[in-house]
Every structure is written in structure tokens, then in C-alpha cells.
Protein backbone atom coordinates (compact mmCIF):
# COMPACT_ATOMS: atom_id res chain seq x y z
CA UNK A 1 0.00 0.00 0.00
CA UNK A 2 2.86 2.39 0.74
CA UNK A 3 4.37 1.80 -2.70
CA UNK A 4 1.09 2.63 -4.43
CA UNK A 5 0.76 5.82 -2.38
CA UNK A 6 4.30 6.84 -3.33
CA UNK A 7 3.52 6.11 -6.99
CA UNK A 8 0.43 8.35 -6.80
CA UNK A 9 2.45 11.14 -5.20
CA UNK A 10 5.16 10.71 -7.86
CA UNK A 11 2.51 11.20 -10.54
CA UNK A 12 1.19 14.28 -8.75
CA UNK A 13 4.67 15.81 -8.49
CA UNK A 14 5.44 14.99 -12.13
CA UNK A 15 2.19 16.69 -13.15
CA UNK A 16 2.85 19.75 -10.99
CA UNK A 17 6.47 20.18 -12.06
CA UNK A 18 6.22 19.01 -15.68
CA UNK A 19 9.31 16.84 -15.13
CA UNK A 20 9.88 13.11 -14.68
CA UNK A 21 10.32 11.95 -11.09
CA UNK A 22 12.50 8.97 -10.23
CA UNK A 23 11.93 6.56 -7.38
CA UNK A 24 15.28 7.67 -5.90
CA UNK A 25 14.19 11.33 -5.92
CA UNK A 26 10.94 10.35 -4.25
CA UNK A 27 12.68 8.38 -1.51
CA UNK A 28 15.12 11.26 -0.85
CA UNK A 29 12.44 13.99 -0.90
CA UNK A 30 11.85 15.99 2.27
CA UNK A 31 8.91 18.14 1.16
CA UNK A 32 5.38 17.82 2.51
CA UNK A 33 2.18 18.92 0.82
CA UNK A 34 0.68 19.97 4.13
CA UNK A 35 1.99 21.03 7.55
CA UNK A 36 3.51 18.33 9.72
CA UNK A 37 0.76 16.60 11.69
CA UNK A 38 2.34 17.66 15.00
CA UNK A 39 2.03 21.32 13.91
CA UNK A 40 -1.66 21.22 12.99
CA UNK A 41 -3.99 23.19 15.27
CA UNK A 42 -7.56 24.36 14.88
CA UNK A 43 -6.49 28.00 15.26
CA UNK A 44 -3.55 27.88 12.83
CA UNK A 45 -3.53 30.14 9.76
CA UNK A 46 -4.01 28.62 6.35
CA UNK A 47 -0.69 27.68 4.71
CA UNK A 48 -1.94 29.07 1.36
CA UNK A 49 -3.67 32.41 0.88
CA UNK A 50 -5.70 33.74 -2.05
CA UNK A 51 -4.55 36.69 -4.13
CA UNK A 52 -6.45 40.02 -4.37
CA UNK A 53 -9.02 38.46 -6.73
CA UNK A 54 -9.66 35.52 -4.37
CA UNK A 55 -7.75 32.98 -6.49
CA UNK A 56 -5.46 30.47 -4.85
CA UNK A 57 -2.05 29.72 -6.39
CA UNK A 58 -1.90 26.60 -8.54
CA UNK A 59 1.12 24.51 -9.47
CA UNK A 60 2.41 25.38 -12.95
CA UNK A 61 4.15 22.58 -14.89
CA UNK A 62 7.74 23.54 -15.62
CA UNK A 63 7.73 26.30 -12.96
CA UNK A 64 6.68 24.57 -9.73
CA UNK A 65 9.56 22.84 -7.96
CA UNK A 66 9.35 20.40 -5.06
CA UNK A 67 12.92 19.10 -5.05
């Protein structure tokens, strides 16, 4: 089950970055899509904020970088 989750995340990162992702890069990655579970609180601010028009930032293939 862990392998299939990693494969899904690899596909998500490849889509977001527009670049191939290797298994070695995935195993060495230190990023997290959300705050660490120990840091989550009900009163914490949102990690992502909308711009002046109310739009949230989206990953852009070829520009977004997670590694």
C-alpha cells in the first residue's frame, strides 16, 4: 500500500512540475504537501492564501519545484 501511495504522489509531483520523477528522488524527498501533523492546530492560519481576486495559487508545470 505504501508503494502505491508513493507512486500516486510521484505522478502528482510529475504533473505539478512538468518533469519526470524517479523513485530515488521520491525516496530522498523531504517536502510535505501539508503542515507536519504535530504542527496542525484548529487556530492555525491557512498555509496558502488567495490573491487580491480571491484565487489560490496553482502549481504550474515547468515552474513549480518540489525538489
